[in-house]
Amino acid sequence: MHAAVLPATERGFALEKLTNQIKPETFVYRCKYTKGYEARFVSHLDMVRIYSRAARRAKIPVFYSMGFNPHPSFVFGQPLSVGVTSECEYVDIELERLIPADFLLEEMNKVLPNGIRINECTKLEPGTPNIMKAVNGGVYEITVAGELNYSALKDTYDSGRPLVVMKKSKSGITQMDVRPLIYAFDICEKEDNIFTVYLETQAGNVLNLKPEAAFEAIMQYTYAENIEFQYVKINKKGILYENRS
């Protein structure tokens, strides 16, 4: 008899038997990929769907979670804002069986869309923390247009003063000092009224600061009035690991 039509007590026992399965041995591969200009408007959820579809088309033996709603085992790094490009996105892919890392890279690249390409693939040792747990921050290069005083912006950051901003949360709007979440900042003028901004900000499971929010906090404490500027390009250049020195 199907579990759904059993009496309540028997149904609970049947469901327990179905869900309490022993997970087989699996193998995890970490892929480093780029998210280029063509894919800059692909959302995080869409990226999950893209990788799932690509793995099926490439016939990669992805491990599916057990239970009543199986889903492919992908763990992505910190979600990237829509419109931001990246040279260093990561995804951990869990497989049912061992395959060469080069094979995984080559077969996935054959079916991934333009703008998304895997550049490196490595099999992880058992017990390695997944990419979400390992990453502590991001390194960004931002191109900004506007009449800015880059020396004043540098002085604001170098002063060490708190950078308190209003932050929305489930409990309402609260004040938060984002300075501890900004690891590094620099700015230089590339051409007339075009600036290159370098930022390192915290990104992790507990606290995450977008590079735009970091730059706008520094702007807020540099100018008494709002200054018009626009983001020309935001590109993620690298990641910072939890155990960095």
Foldseek 3Di string as FASTA:
>chain_A
DDLVPDPPVVSVVVQCVQFPDDDDDKWKKKWWKWQAPVRLQQWPVNVQVLQQVLCVVLVFQFDWHGHDDTDGDKDWAFTDDRNAIERTTMIMTIGPDDDDQVSVQVSSQVRHDPRIHTDDMDIDDPPDDGNQAWFWKFKKKWKKAFPDDQVLLVCLLVVPDFLWDWDQDPVGIDIDGQNVQWPDWHKDAPDVRIMIIITMGTDHDPDDDDPVNVSVSSVVVRDPDDGDMDIPHMYTYGTDTPPDD
